[in-house]
Amino acid sequence: MGKKLVSIIIPAYNAEKYLNECIDSVLRQTMKDIEVIIVNDGSGDNTSEILKHYESLDPRVKVINQVNQGQGTARNSGLNIAGGDAIMFLDSDDYYTEEVVETAYSALKNNHCEIVIFNGSTFWDDDVAITLGKEKYFSLGSEDVNVIRTGVDFLKLTKGRIQSPCLKIYSREFIDKHKIRFLDGGFGEDTYFFYYAFILAERVCYVDYIGYSRRYRTDSTMTSTGVLNIESRIKHFPLLISLLDKLDNGEYRSLVMKQYVYYACLLWIMIHNRCNVTERCELRSMCNEYGLVRIVSENRSDIVTCFFSVFMLLPNFAEAVNIVIAKTARRLLRGKTRFAI
């Protein structure tokens, strides 16, 4: 079997309900020179049996079985064996349109890019009814199509709305050169990968093509607001800050820092929307311990960040005020950022 042009990496954990739809969408691609790497991350359902079937059905399918270590580690396992000239990611409960790989790969090569962004649509699946999304996952204009920019320029243009690793194709040479990987285990691993890649990328372009259907469901890691989710993201925050050392441009540093501040504010909202008093107190202490409160208070750059810094610095006895504010504060971040939490 010859060298494949594109490696598509799919982490799968207890994904039996959606896995057939996901894999079938990949195997139907108009581009045939692909390899499909599916990482079974310690599933306890029929995921393993489904993967065995596809592995025997199509030689392009490669399966990795590992104990449960989280989505970031699973994606890294796929990256470690990927042989393609380019890399794409797909979540096991989502699916592709038939021409997305060919469209994205052509743009990557024709424009000599390190990353190409494409678009997607979203829909809710609550196990009772599926509500289809009518809008694109993010909005870029026709004037942005096939325009080469740096990754940070795209951060500025989209205000962080392009965070998902899945709506992109990456040059394998770029990924390997900079040793870009996801954080192992936990939550927020995609945030780290995203900023790592986009801080370093010098040639990024956008193709106006809806090639990805993203499923939102209440029990997914992306929509989860559990304590472990929030804890993990807080603990990873210093690693995000460390990526600023890779930026020499002061304007770019300020732009990325502003996105980090919005992220910290959103975590603060998540904390104060939890009902358990003990959990809130412990998570607030973690925000201080890992520097989130300090980062927000030292980097107030607009009315929104000033607003949040005031409430983040309130003493514990004012927690009732914070809870009331947090119930409605999320709307202040709309249009500012779109983190996958």
C-alpha atoms as a PDB file:
ATOM      1  CA  MET A   1       0.000   0.000   0.000  1.00  0.00           C
ATOM      2  CA  GLY A   2       1.496   3.355  -1.113  1.00  0.00           C
ATOM      3  CA  LYS A   3       1.944   6.512   0.923  1.00  0.00           C
ATOM      4  CA  LYS A   4      -1.305   8.181   1.849  1.00  0.00           C
ATOM      5  CA  LEU A   5      -1.904  11.856   1.286  1.00  0.00           C
ATOM      6  CA  VAL A   6      -4.097  12.517   4.327  1.00  0.00           C
ATOM      7  CA  SER A   7      -4.273  10.855   7.752  1.00  0.00           C
ATOM      8  CA  ILE A   8      -7.635  11.264   9.489  1.00  0.00           C
ATOM      9  CA  ILE A   9      -7.473  10.689  13.244  1.00  0.00           C
ATOM     10  CA  ILE A  10     -10.621   9.750  15.166  1.00  0.00           C
ATOM     11  CA  PRO A  11     -10.583   9.266  18.970  1.00  0.00           C
ATOM     12  CA  ALA A  12     -13.427   6.973  20.071  1.00  0.00           C
ATOM     13  CA  TYR A  13     -14.735   6.393  23.582  1.00  0.00           C
ATOM     14  CA  ASN A  14     -18.039   4.529  24.050  1.00  0.00           C
ATOM     15  CA  ALA A  15     -19.034   5.748  20.612  1.00  0.00           C
ATOM     16  CA  GLU A  16     -21.157   2.830  19.388  1.00  0.00           C
ATOM     17  CA  LYS A  17     -24.218   4.986  18.779  1.00  0.00           C
ATOM     18  CA  TYR A  18     -22.553   7.313  16.278  1.00  0.00           C
ATOM     19  CA  LEU A  19     -19.467   5.463  15.052  1.00  0.00           C
ATOM     20  CA  ASN A  20     -20.913   3.913  11.885  1.00  0.00           C
ATOM     21  CA  GLU A  21     -22.139   7.264  10.601  1.00  0.00           C
ATOM     22  CA  CYS A  22     -18.779   8.835  11.389  1.00  0.00           C
ATOM     23  CA  ILE A  23     -16.560   6.203   9.741  1.00  0.00           C
ATOM     24  CA  ASP A  24     -18.840   5.763   6.718  1.00  0.00           C
ATOM     25  CA  SER A  25     -18.554   9.500   6.022  1.00  0.00           C
ATOM     26  CA  VAL A  26     -14.768   9.125   5.859  1.00  0.00           C
ATOM     27  CA  LEU A  27     -14.695   6.020   3.701  1.00  0.00           C
ATOM     28  CA  ARG A  28     -17.040   7.707   1.199  1.00  0.00           C
ATOM     29  CA  GLN A  29     -14.590  10.563   0.589  1.00  0.00           C
ATOM     30  CA  THR A  30     -13.924  11.497  -3.033  1.00  0.00           C
ATOM     31  CA  MET A  31     -10.227  11.485  -2.153  1.00  0.00           C
ATOM     32  CA  LYS A  32      -9.243   7.839  -1.830  1.00  0.00           C
ATOM     33  CA  ASP A  33      -5.566   8.193  -0.836  1.00  0.00           C
ATOM     34  CA  ILE A  34      -6.321   8.451   2.870  1.00  0.00           C
ATOM     35  CA  GLU A  35      -5.659   6.490   6.022  1.00  0.00           C
ATOM     36  CA  VAL A  36      -8.194   6.408   8.839  1.00  0.00           C
ATOM     37  CA  ILE A  37      -6.646   6.043  12.300  1.00  0.00           C
ATOM     38  CA  ILE A  38      -9.246   5.287  14.970  1.00  0.00           C
ATOM     39  CA  VAL A  39      -8.082   5.241  18.575  1.00  0.00           C
ATOM     40  CA  ASN A  40     -10.305   3.167  20.857  1.00  0.00           C
ATOM     41  CA  ASP A  41      -9.724   4.943  24.161  1.00  0.00           C
ATOM     42  CA  GLY A  42     -10.748   2.171  26.555  1.00  0.00           C
ATOM     43  CA  SER A  43     -14.388   1.919  25.470  1.00  0.00           C
ATOM     44  CA  GLY A  44     -16.691  -0.324  27.461  1.00  0.00           C
ATOM     45  CA  ASP A  45     -19.444  -0.672  24.867  1.00  0.00           C
ATOM     46  CA  ASN A  46     -19.444  -2.211  21.369  1.00  0.00           C
ATOM     47  CA  THR A  47     -16.964   0.287  19.951  1.00  0.00           C
ATOM     48  CA  SER A  48     -14.244  -2.356  19.759  1.00  0.00           C
ATOM     49  CA  GLU A  49     -16.415  -4.773  17.752  1.00  0.00           C
ATOM     50  CA  ILE A  50     -17.464  -2.040  15.336  1.00  0.00           C
ATOM     51  CA  LEU A  51     -13.834  -1.082  14.755  1.00  0.00           C
ATOM     52  CA  LYS A  52     -12.832  -4.689  14.103  1.00  0.00           C
ATOM     53  CA  HIS A  53     -15.482  -4.836  11.397  1.00  0.00           C
ATOM     54  CA  TYR A  54     -14.217  -1.710   9.635  1.00  0.00           C
ATOM     55  CA  GLU A  55     -10.598  -2.793   9.950  1.00  0.00           C
ATOM     56  CA  SER A  56     -11.418  -6.024   8.130  1.00  0.00           C
ATOM     57  CA  LEU A  57     -13.596  -4.196   5.620  1.00  0.00           C
ATOM     58  CA  ASP A  58     -11.142  -1.549   4.404  1.00  0.00           C
ATOM     59  CA  PRO A  59      -7.314  -1.706   4.490  1.00  0.00           C
ATOM     60  CA  ARG A  60      -7.158   2.079   4.945  1.00  0.00           C
ATOM     61  CA  VAL A  61      -8.549   1.712   8.468  1.00  0.00           C
ATOM     62  CA  LYS A  62      -6.041   1.360  11.317  1.00  0.00           C
ATOM     63  CA  VAL A  63      -7.205   0.758  14.879  1.00  0.00           C
ATOM     64  CA  ILE A  64      -5.285   1.543  18.063  1.00  0.00           C
ATOM     65  CA  ASN A  65      -6.643   0.083  21.303  1.00  0.00           C
ATOM     66  CA  GLN A  66      -5.522   1.701  24.547  1.00  0.00           C
ATOM     67  CA  VAL A  67      -6.693   2.101  28.112  1.00  0.00           C
ATOM     68  CA  ASN A  68      -8.791   5.189  28.697  1.00  0.00           C
ATOM     69  CA  GLN A  69      -6.487   8.221  28.843  1.00  0.00           C
ATOM     70  CA  GLY A  70      -8.592  11.022  27.415  1.00  0.00           C
ATOM     71  CA  GLN A  71      -9.148  12.575  24.024  1.00  0.00           C
ATOM     72  CA  GLY A  72      -5.848  14.462  23.899  1.00  0.00           C
ATOM     73  CA  THR A  73      -3.767  11.348  24.511  1.00  0.00           C
ATOM     74  CA  ALA A  74      -5.859   9.425  21.979  1.00  0.00           C
ATOM     75  CA  ARG A  75      -5.224  12.035  19.300  1.00  0.00           C
ATOM     76  CA  ASN A  76      -1.512  12.007  20.124  1.00  0.00           C
ATOM     77  CA  SER A  77      -1.460   8.225  19.712  1.00  0.00           C
ATOM     78  CA  GLY A  78      -2.893   8.695  16.245  1.00  0.00           C
ATOM     79  CA  LEU A  79      -0.389  11.432  15.403  1.00  0.00           C
ATOM     80  CA  ASN A  80       2.490   9.185  16.449  1.00  0.00           C
ATOM     81  CA  ILE A  81       1.710   6.594  13.758  1.00  0.00           C
ATOM     82  CA  ALA A  82       0.185   8.836  11.075  1.00  0.00           C
ATOM     83  CA  GLY A  83       1.880   8.462   7.711  1.00  0.00           C
ATOM     84  CA  GLY A  84      -0.024  11.031   5.677  1.00  0.00           C
ATOM     85  CA  ASP A  85       1.313  14.167   4.063  1.00  0.00           C
ATOM     86  CA  ALA A  86      -1.431  16.075   5.912  1.00  0.00           C
ATOM     87  CA  ILE A  87      -3.410  15.575   9.124  1.00  0.00           C
ATOM     88  CA  MET A  88      -7.122  15.970   9.878  1.00  0.00           C
ATOM     89  CA  PHE A  89      -9.138  15.278  13.023  1.00  0.00           C
ATOM     90  CA  LEU A  90     -12.708  14.045  13.322  1.00  0.00           C
ATOM     91  CA  ASP A  91     -14.693  13.365  16.501  1.00  0.00           C
ATOM     92  CA  SER A  92     -16.480  10.027  16.665  1.00  0.00           C
ATOM     93  CA  ASP A  93     -19.949  11.563  17.067  1.00  0.00           C
ATOM     94  CA  ASP A  94     -19.547  13.917  14.081  1.00  0.00           C
ATOM     95  CA  TYR A  95     -19.242  13.333  10.344  1.00  0.00           C
ATOM     96  CA  TYR A  96     -17.801  14.715   7.089  1.00  0.00           C
ATOM     97  CA  THR A  97     -19.323  15.724   3.783  1.00  0.00           C
ATOM     98  CA  GLU A  98     -18.006  13.612   0.902  1.00  0.00           C
ATOM     99  CA  GLU A  99     -15.655  16.171  -0.657  1.00  0.00           C
ATOM    100  CA  VAL A 100     -14.181  17.834   2.427  1.00  0.00           C
ATOM    101  CA  VAL A 101     -10.835  15.999   2.425  1.00  0.00           C
ATOM    102  CA  GLU A 102     -10.220  16.656  -1.263  1.00  0.00           C
ATOM    103  CA  THR A 103     -11.281  20.306  -0.922  1.00  0.00           C
ATOM    104  CA  ALA A 104      -9.131  20.963   2.138  1.00  0.00           C
ATOM    105  CA  TYR A 105      -6.072  19.118   0.826  1.00  0.00           C
ATOM    106  CA  SER A 106      -6.185  20.944  -2.524  1.00  0.00           C
ATOM    107  CA  ALA A 107      -6.287  24.305  -0.722  1.00  0.00           C
ATOM    108  CA  LEU A 108      -3.388  23.256   1.523  1.00  0.00           C
ATOM    109  CA  LYS A 109      -1.186  22.352  -1.438  1.00  0.00           C
ATOM    110  CA  ASN A 110      -2.269  25.020  -3.906  1.00  0.00           C
ATOM    111  CA  ASN A 111      -1.714  27.798  -1.374  1.00  0.00           C
ATOM    112  CA  HIS A 112       1.417  26.253   0.183  1.00  0.00           C
ATOM    113  CA  CYS A 113      -0.180  26.570   3.620  1.00  0.00           C
ATOM    114  CA  GLU A 114       0.601  25.099   7.013  1.00  0.00           C
ATOM    115  CA  ILE A 115      -3.079  25.114   8.024  1.00  0.00           C
ATOM    116  CA  VAL A 116      -6.298  25.419   6.054  1.00  0.00           C
ATOM    117  CA  ILE A 117      -9.555  26.254   7.828  1.00  0.00           C
ATOM    118  CA  PHE A 118     -12.892  25.099   6.481  1.00  0.00           C
ATOM    119  CA  ASN A 119     -16.386  25.493   7.866  1.00  0.00           C
ATOM    120  CA  GLY A 120     -19.044  23.319   9.415  1.00  0.00           C
ATOM    121  CA  SER A 121     -22.581  23.302  10.757  1.00  0.00           C
ATOM    122  CA  THR A 122     -23.793  22.339  14.214  1.00  0.00           C
ATOM    123  CA  PHE A 123     -26.791  20.424  15.478  1.00  0.00           C
ATOM    124  CA  TRP A 124     -28.138  19.272  18.818  1.00  0.00           C
ATOM    125  CA  ASP A 125     -28.780  15.610  19.565  1.00  0.00           C
ATOM    126  CA  ASP A 126     -30.441  15.141  22.946  1.00  0.00           C
ATOM    127  CA  ASP A 127     -31.291  11.431  22.467  1.00  0.00           C
ATOM    128  CA  VAL A 128     -34.901  12.418  21.861  1.00  0.00           C
ATOM    129  CA  ALA A 129     -34.812  14.778  18.922  1.00  0.00           C
ATOM    130  CA  ILE A 130     -32.158  16.162  16.636  1.00  0.00           C
ATOM    131  CA  THR A 131     -32.234  19.876  15.971  1.00  0.00           C
ATOM    132  CA  LEU A 132     -30.311  20.818  12.848  1.00  0.00           C
ATOM    133  CA  GLY A 133     -28.265  23.992  12.863  1.00  0.00           C
ATOM    134  CA  LYS A 134     -28.921  26.549  10.139  1.00  0.00           C
ATOM    135  CA  GLU A 135     -25.783  28.612  10.513  1.00  0.00           C
ATOM    136  CA  LYS A 136     -22.127  28.001   9.810  1.00  0.00           C
ATOM    137  CA  TYR A 137     -19.928  27.097  12.724  1.00  0.00           C
ATOM    138  CA  PHE A 138     -18.149  30.414  12.331  1.00  0.00           C
ATOM    139  CA  SER A 139     -18.473  33.342   9.974  1.00  0.00           C
ATOM    140  CA  LEU A 140     -15.818  34.572   7.582  1.00  0.00           C
ATOM    141  CA  GLY A 141     -16.567  36.666   4.519  1.00  0.00           C
ATOM    142  CA  SER A 142     -15.943  35.993   0.846  1.00  0.00           C
ATOM    143  CA  GLU A 143     -13.084  38.488   1.010  1.00  0.00           C
ATOM    144  CA  ASP A 144     -11.283  36.090   3.377  1.00  0.00           C
ATOM    145  CA  VAL A 145     -11.299  33.069   1.055  1.00  0.00           C
ATOM    146  CA  ASN A 146      -7.833  31.850   0.014  1.00  0.00           C
ATOM    147  CA  VAL A 147      -6.158  34.896   1.587  1.00  0.00           C
ATOM    148  CA  ILE A 148      -2.889  33.909   3.251  1.00  0.00           C
ATOM    149  CA  ARG A 149      -2.521  35.205   6.805  1.00  0.00           C
ATOM    150  CA  THR A 150      -0.611  34.238   9.917  1.00  0.00           C
ATOM    151  CA  GLY A 151      -2.369  32.113  12.504  1.00  0.00           C
ATOM    152  CA  VAL A 152      -2.515  35.029  14.946  1.00  0.00           C
ATOM    153  CA  ASP A 153      -4.046  37.236  12.247  1.00  0.00           C
ATOM    154  CA  PHE A 154      -6.845  34.672  11.984  1.00  0.00           C
ATOM    155  CA  LEU A 155      -7.215  34.769  15.772  1.00  0.00           C
ATOM    156  CA  LYS A 156      -7.739  38.511  15.512  1.00  0.00           C
ATOM    157  CA  LEU A 157     -10.115  38.191  12.577  1.00  0.00           C
ATOM    158  CA  THR A 158     -12.298  35.487  14.155  1.00  0.00           C
ATOM    159  CA  LYS A 159     -11.923  36.415  17.856  1.00  0.00           C
ATOM    160  CA  GLY A 160     -10.967  32.837  18.705  1.00  0.00           C
ATOM    161  CA  ARG A 161     -14.034  31.255  17.080  1.00  0.00           C
ATOM    162  CA  ILE A 162     -11.934  28.733  15.147  1.00  0.00           C
ATOM    163  CA  GLN A 163     -10.678  26.760  18.126  1.00  0.00           C
ATOM    164  CA  SER A 164     -11.818  23.266  17.172  1.00  0.00           C
ATOM    165  CA  PRO A 165      -8.965  21.127  15.779  1.00  0.00           C
ATOM    166  CA  CYS A 166     -11.475  19.298  13.614  1.00  0.00           C
ATOM    167  CA  LEU A 167     -12.408  21.992  11.094  1.00  0.00           C
ATOM    168  CA  LYS A 168      -8.910  22.191   9.648  1.00  0.00           C
ATOM    169  CA  ILE A 169      -6.243  20.339   7.730  1.00  0.00           C
ATOM    170  CA  TYR A 170      -2.622  20.609   8.862  1.00  0.00           C
ATOM    171  CA  SER A 171       0.647  20.163   7.034  1.00  0.00           C
ATOM    172  CA  ARG A 172       2.370  17.139   8.526  1.00  0.00           C
ATOM    173  CA  GLU A 173       5.726  18.847   8.033  1.00  0.00           C
ATOM    174  CA  PHE A 174       4.512  21.824  10.104  1.00  0.00           C
ATOM    175  CA  ILE A 175       3.208  19.616  12.930  1.00  0.00           C
ATOM    176  CA  ASP A 176       6.421  17.586  13.076  1.00  0.00           C
ATOM    177  CA  LYS A 177       8.759  20.571  12.771  1.00  0.00           C
ATOM    178  CA  HIS A 178       7.308  22.225  15.866  1.00  0.00           C
ATOM    179  CA  LYS A 179       6.440  18.989  17.701  1.00  0.00           C
ATOM    180  CA  ILE A 180       2.875  20.201  18.189  1.00  0.00           C
ATOM    181  CA  ARG A 181       0.812  17.836  20.325  1.00  0.00           C
ATOM    182  CA  PHE A 182      -2.310  17.824  22.470  1.00  0.00           C
ATOM    183  CA  LEU A 183      -2.073  17.843  26.238  1.00  0.00           C
ATOM    184  CA  ASP A 184      -2.322  14.332  27.632  1.00  0.00           C
ATOM    185  CA  GLY A 185      -5.547  13.468  29.448  1.00  0.00           C
ATOM    186  CA  GLY A 186      -8.004  15.837  31.032  1.00  0.00           C
ATOM    187  CA  PHE A 187     -10.028  18.595  29.383  1.00  0.00           C
ATOM    188  CA  GLY A 188      -8.930  21.652  27.462  1.00  0.00           C
ATOM    189  CA  GLU A 189      -6.334  19.720  25.458  1.00  0.00           C
ATOM    190  CA  ASP A 190      -7.712  21.151  22.216  1.00  0.00           C
ATOM    191  CA  THR A 191      -7.329  24.729  23.477  1.00  0.00           C
ATOM    192  CA  TYR A 192      -3.606  24.158  24.014  1.00  0.00           C
ATOM    193  CA  PHE A 193      -3.133  22.480  20.607  1.00  0.00           C
ATOM    194  CA  PHE A 194      -5.035  25.262  18.884  1.00  0.00           C
ATOM    195  CA  TYR A 195      -2.969  28.106  20.342  1.00  0.00           C
ATOM    196  CA  TYR A 196       0.280  26.193  19.893  1.00  0.00           C
ATOM    197  CA  ALA A 197      -0.439  25.728  16.190  1.00  0.00           C
ATOM    198  CA  PHE A 198      -1.880  29.159  15.441  1.00  0.00           C
ATOM    199  CA  ILE A 199       0.794  31.078  17.328  1.00  0.00           C
ATOM    200  CA  LEU A 200       3.457  29.407  15.157  1.00  0.00           C
ATOM    201  CA  ALA A 201       1.676  29.205  11.802  1.00  0.00           C
ATOM    202  CA  GLU A 202       2.817  31.741   9.206  1.00  0.00           C
ATOM    203  CA  ARG A 203       0.672  30.587   6.282  1.00  0.00           C
ATOM    204  CA  VAL A 204      -2.999  29.935   7.032  1.00  0.00           C
ATOM    205  CA  CYS A 205      -5.979  30.303   4.714  1.00  0.00           C
ATOM    206  CA  TYR A 206      -9.725  29.768   4.759  1.00  0.00           C
ATOM    207  CA  VAL A 207     -11.900  27.941   2.227  1.00  0.00           C
ATOM    208  CA  ASP A 208     -15.596  28.741   2.339  1.00  0.00           C
ATOM    209  CA  TYR A 209     -16.800  25.145   2.390  1.00  0.00           C
ATOM    210  CA  ILE A 210     -19.127  23.464   4.909  1.00  0.00           C
ATOM    211  CA  GLY A 211     -17.469  20.092   5.253  1.00  0.00           C
ATOM    212  CA  TYR A 212     -18.108  19.139   8.866  1.00  0.00           C
ATOM    213  CA  SER A 213     -21.265  18.362  10.832  1.00  0.00           C
ATOM    214  CA  ARG A 214     -20.710  18.852  14.555  1.00  0.00           C
ATOM    215  CA  ARG A 215     -23.052  17.153  16.984  1.00  0.00           C
ATOM    216  CA  TYR A 216     -23.742  18.819  20.319  1.00  0.00           C
ATOM    217  CA  ARG A 217     -25.013  16.529  23.056  1.00  0.00           C
ATOM    218  CA  THR A 218     -25.433  17.036  26.761  1.00  0.00           C
ATOM    219  CA  ASP A 219     -23.061  14.216  27.763  1.00  0.00           C
ATOM    220  CA  SER A 220     -20.149  15.081  25.465  1.00  0.00           C
ATOM    221  CA  THR A 221     -16.769  16.242  26.778  1.00  0.00           C
ATOM    222  CA  MET A 222     -17.191  19.500  24.901  1.00  0.00           C
ATOM    223  CA  THR A 223     -20.455  20.486  26.596  1.00  0.00           C
ATOM    224  CA  SER A 224     -19.626  19.025  29.999  1.00  0.00           C
ATOM    225  CA  THR A 225     -19.348  21.520  32.864  1.00  0.00           C
ATOM    226  CA  GLY A 226     -18.397  18.994  35.551  1.00  0.00           C
ATOM    227  CA  VAL A 227     -15.860  19.680  38.275  1.00  0.00           C
ATOM    228  CA  LEU A 228     -13.118  17.593  36.620  1.00  0.00           C
ATOM    229  CA  ASN A 229     -13.623  19.519  33.382  1.00  0.00           C
ATOM    230  CA  ILE A 230     -13.180  22.886  35.099  1.00  0.00           C
ATOM    231  CA  GLU A 231     -10.295  21.673  37.293  1.00  0.00           C
ATOM    232  CA  SER A 232      -8.402  20.349  34.301  1.00  0.00           C
ATOM    233  CA  ARG A 233      -8.796  23.583  32.356  1.00  0.00           C
ATOM    234  CA  ILE A 234      -7.617  25.658  35.329  1.00  0.00           C
ATOM    235  CA  LYS A 235      -4.556  23.442  35.831  1.00  0.00           C
ATOM    236  CA  HIS A 236      -3.663  23.724  32.132  1.00  0.00           C
ATOM    237  CA  PHE A 237      -3.896  27.514  32.156  1.00  0.00           C
ATOM    238  CA  PRO A 238      -0.188  28.113  32.972  1.00  0.00           C
ATOM    239  CA  LEU A 239       0.735  25.991  29.941  1.00  0.00           C
ATOM    240  CA  LEU A 240      -1.322  28.309  27.749  1.00  0.00           C
ATOM    241  CA  ILE A 241       0.505  31.299  29.235  1.00  0.00           C
ATOM    242  CA  SER A 242       3.859  29.648  28.475  1.00  0.00           C
ATOM    243  CA  LEU A 243       3.019  29.640  24.751  1.00  0.00           C
ATOM    244  CA  LEU A 244       3.314  33.441  24.759  1.00  0.00           C
ATOM    245  CA  ASP A 245       7.092  32.943  24.916  1.00  0.00           C
ATOM    246  CA  LYS A 246       6.905  31.809  21.294  1.00  0.00           C
ATOM    247  CA  LEU A 247       5.678  35.267  20.226  1.00  0.00           C
ATOM    248  CA  ASP A 248       8.139  38.108  19.620  1.00  0.00           C
ATOM    249  CA  ASN A 249       5.528  40.505  18.241  1.00  0.00           C
ATOM    250  CA  GLY A 250       4.108  42.643  21.064  1.00  0.00           C
ATOM    251  CA  GLU A 251       0.798  43.242  19.302  1.00  0.00           C
ATOM    252  CA  TYR A 252       0.345  39.500  18.809  1.00  0.00           C
ATOM    253  CA  ARG A 253       1.186  38.808  22.447  1.00  0.00           C
ATOM    254  CA  SER A 254      -1.474  41.292  23.570  1.00  0.00           C
ATOM    255  CA  LEU A 255      -4.038  39.798  21.213  1.00  0.00           C
ATOM    256  CA  VAL A 256      -3.465  36.244  22.425  1.00  0.00           C
ATOM    257  CA  MET A 257      -3.411  37.357  26.054  1.00  0.00           C
ATOM    258  CA  LYS A 258      -6.805  38.999  25.589  1.00  0.00           C
ATOM    259  CA  GLN A 259      -8.166  35.651  24.406  1.00  0.00           C
ATOM    260  CA  TYR A 260      -6.678  33.981  27.479  1.00  0.00           C
ATOM    261  CA  VAL A 261      -8.374  36.556  29.706  1.00  0.00           C
ATOM    262  CA  TYR A 262     -11.745  35.845  28.077  1.00  0.00           C
ATOM    263  CA  TYR A 263     -11.114  32.138  28.657  1.00  0.00           C
ATOM    264  CA  ALA A 264     -10.401  32.751  32.358  1.00  0.00           C
ATOM    265  CA  CYS A 265     -13.600  34.796  32.631  1.00  0.00           C
ATOM    266  CA  LEU A 266     -15.603  31.998  31.069  1.00  0.00           C
ATOM    267  CA  LEU A 267     -14.152  29.511  33.546  1.00  0.00           C
ATOM    268  CA  TRP A 268     -15.152  31.878  36.349  1.00  0.00           C
ATOM    269  CA  ILE A 269     -18.725  31.832  34.994  1.00  0.00           C
ATOM    270  CA  MET A 270     -18.714  28.030  34.937  1.00  0.00           C
ATOM    271  CA  ILE A 271     -17.517  27.913  38.541  1.00  0.00           C
ATOM    272  CA  HIS A 272     -20.247  30.214  39.819  1.00  0.00           C
ATOM    273  CA  ASN A 273     -22.952  28.389  37.944  1.00  0.00           C
ATOM    274  CA  ARG A 274     -22.258  25.276  40.003  1.00  0.00           C
ATOM    275  CA  CYS A 275     -24.713  24.610  42.832  1.00  0.00           C
ATOM    276  CA  ASN A 276     -22.353  22.952  45.295  1.00  0.00           C
ATOM    277  CA  VAL A 277     -20.850  25.510  47.709  1.00  0.00           C
ATOM    278  CA  THR A 278     -17.777  23.401  48.490  1.00  0.00           C
ATOM    279  CA  GLU A 279     -17.017  22.903  44.808  1.00  0.00           C
ATOM    280  CA  ARG A 280     -17.287  26.614  44.141  1.00  0.00           C
ATOM    281  CA  CYS A 281     -14.918  27.462  46.977  1.00  0.00           C
ATOM    282  CA  GLU A 282     -12.339  24.888  45.917  1.00  0.00           C
ATOM    283  CA  LEU A 283     -12.458  25.968  42.288  1.00  0.00           C
ATOM    284  CA  ARG A 284     -12.152  29.635  43.215  1.00  0.00           C
ATOM    285  CA  SER A 285      -9.055  28.795  45.260  1.00  0.00           C
ATOM    286  CA  MET A 286      -7.623  26.993  42.249  1.00  0.00           C
ATOM    287  CA  CYS A 287      -8.173  30.092  40.119  1.00  0.00           C
ATOM    288  CA  ASN A 288      -5.960  32.021  42.519  1.00  0.00           C
ATOM    289  CA  GLU A 289      -3.404  29.238  42.822  1.00  0.00           C
ATOM    290  CA  TYR A 290      -2.960  28.852  39.057  1.00  0.00           C
ATOM    291  CA  GLY A 291      -2.895  32.561  38.323  1.00  0.00           C
ATOM    292  CA  LEU A 292      -6.212  33.093  36.529  1.00  0.00           C
ATOM    293  CA  VAL A 293      -7.355  35.921  38.813  1.00  0.00           C
ATOM    294  CA  ARG A 294      -3.982  37.658  38.549  1.00  0.00           C
ATOM    295  CA  ILE A 295      -3.931  37.361  34.750  1.00  0.00           C
ATOM    296  CA  VAL A 296      -7.385  38.923  34.463  1.00  0.00           C
ATOM    297  CA  SER A 297      -6.664  41.744  36.905  1.00  0.00           C
ATOM    298  CA  GLU A 298      -3.342  42.597  35.198  1.00  0.00           C
ATOM    299  CA  ASN A 299      -4.661  42.491  31.635  1.00  0.00           C
ATOM    300  CA  ARG A 300      -7.857  44.512  31.644  1.00  0.00           C
ATOM    301  CA  SER A 301      -8.093  45.750  28.077  1.00  0.00           C
ATOM    302  CA  ASP A 302     -11.776  46.539  27.553  1.00  0.00           C
ATOM    303  CA  ILE A 303     -15.008  47.067  29.469  1.00  0.00           C
ATOM    304  CA  VAL A 304     -15.753  43.336  29.525  1.00  0.00           C
ATOM    305  CA  THR A 305     -12.457  42.307  31.118  1.00  0.00           C
ATOM    306  CA  CYS A 306     -12.679  45.230  33.561  1.00  0.00           C
ATOM    307  CA  PHE A 307     -16.167  44.070  34.532  1.00  0.00           C
ATOM    308  CA  PHE A 308     -15.046  40.518  35.242  1.00  0.00           C
ATOM    309  CA  SER A 309     -11.880  41.539  37.076  1.00  0.00           C
ATOM    310  CA  VAL A 310     -13.963  43.481  39.607  1.00  0.00           C
ATOM    311  CA  PHE A 311     -16.060  40.457  40.513  1.00  0.00           C
ATOM    312  CA  MET A 312     -13.163  37.984  40.436  1.00  0.00           C
ATOM    313  CA  LEU A 313     -11.411  40.092  43.067  1.00  0.00           C
ATOM    314  CA  LEU A 314     -14.400  40.269  45.429  1.00  0.00           C
ATOM    315  CA  PRO A 315     -13.884  38.563  48.812  1.00  0.00           C
ATOM    316  CA  ASN A 316     -15.533  35.250  49.616  1.00  0.00           C
ATOM    317  CA  PHE A 317     -18.368  36.810  51.613  1.00  0.00           C
ATOM    318  CA  ALA A 318     -19.593  38.449  48.385  1.00  0.00           C
ATOM    319  CA  GLU A 319     -20.062  35.085  46.696  1.00  0.00           C
ATOM    320  CA  ALA A 320     -23.822  35.619  46.422  1.00  0.00           C
ATOM    321  CA  VAL A 321     -23.175  38.618  44.188  1.00  0.00           C
ATOM    322  CA  ASN A 322     -20.878  36.542  41.987  1.00  0.00           C
ATOM    323  CA  ILE A 323     -23.492  33.828  41.607  1.00  0.00           C
ATOM    324  CA  VAL A 324     -26.115  36.332  40.464  1.00  0.00           C
ATOM    325  CA  ILE A 325     -23.704  37.941  38.004  1.00  0.00           C
ATOM    326  CA  ALA A 326     -22.551  34.586  36.630  1.00  0.00           C
ATOM    327  CA  LYS A 327     -26.093  33.591  35.714  1.00  0.00           C
ATOM    328  CA  THR A 328     -26.233  36.307  33.080  1.00  0.00           C
ATOM    329  CA  ALA A 329     -22.570  37.142  32.420  1.00  0.00           C
ATOM    330  CA  ARG A 330     -22.014  34.617  29.627  1.00  0.00           C
ATOM    331  CA  ARG A 331     -23.738  36.941  27.167  1.00  0.00           C
ATOM    332  CA  LEU A 332     -20.997  39.524  27.731  1.00  0.00           C
ATOM    333  CA  LEU A 333     -18.515  37.138  26.133  1.00  0.00           C
ATOM    334  CA  ARG A 334     -20.615  36.509  23.033  1.00  0.00           C
ATOM    335  CA  GLY A 335     -18.757  37.874  20.058  1.00  0.00           C
ATOM    336  CA  LYS A 336     -15.544  37.951  22.080  1.00  0.00           C
ATOM    337  CA  THR A 337     -14.561  34.302  21.971  1.00  0.00           C
ATOM    338  CA  ARG A 338     -15.979  30.846  21.357  1.00  0.00           C
ATOM    339  CA  PHE A 339     -14.198  28.310  23.498  1.00  0.00           C
ATOM    340  CA  ALA A 340     -15.219  24.675  23.299  1.00  0.00           C
ATOM    341  CA  ILE A 341     -16.660  24.505  26.806  1.00  0.00           C
END
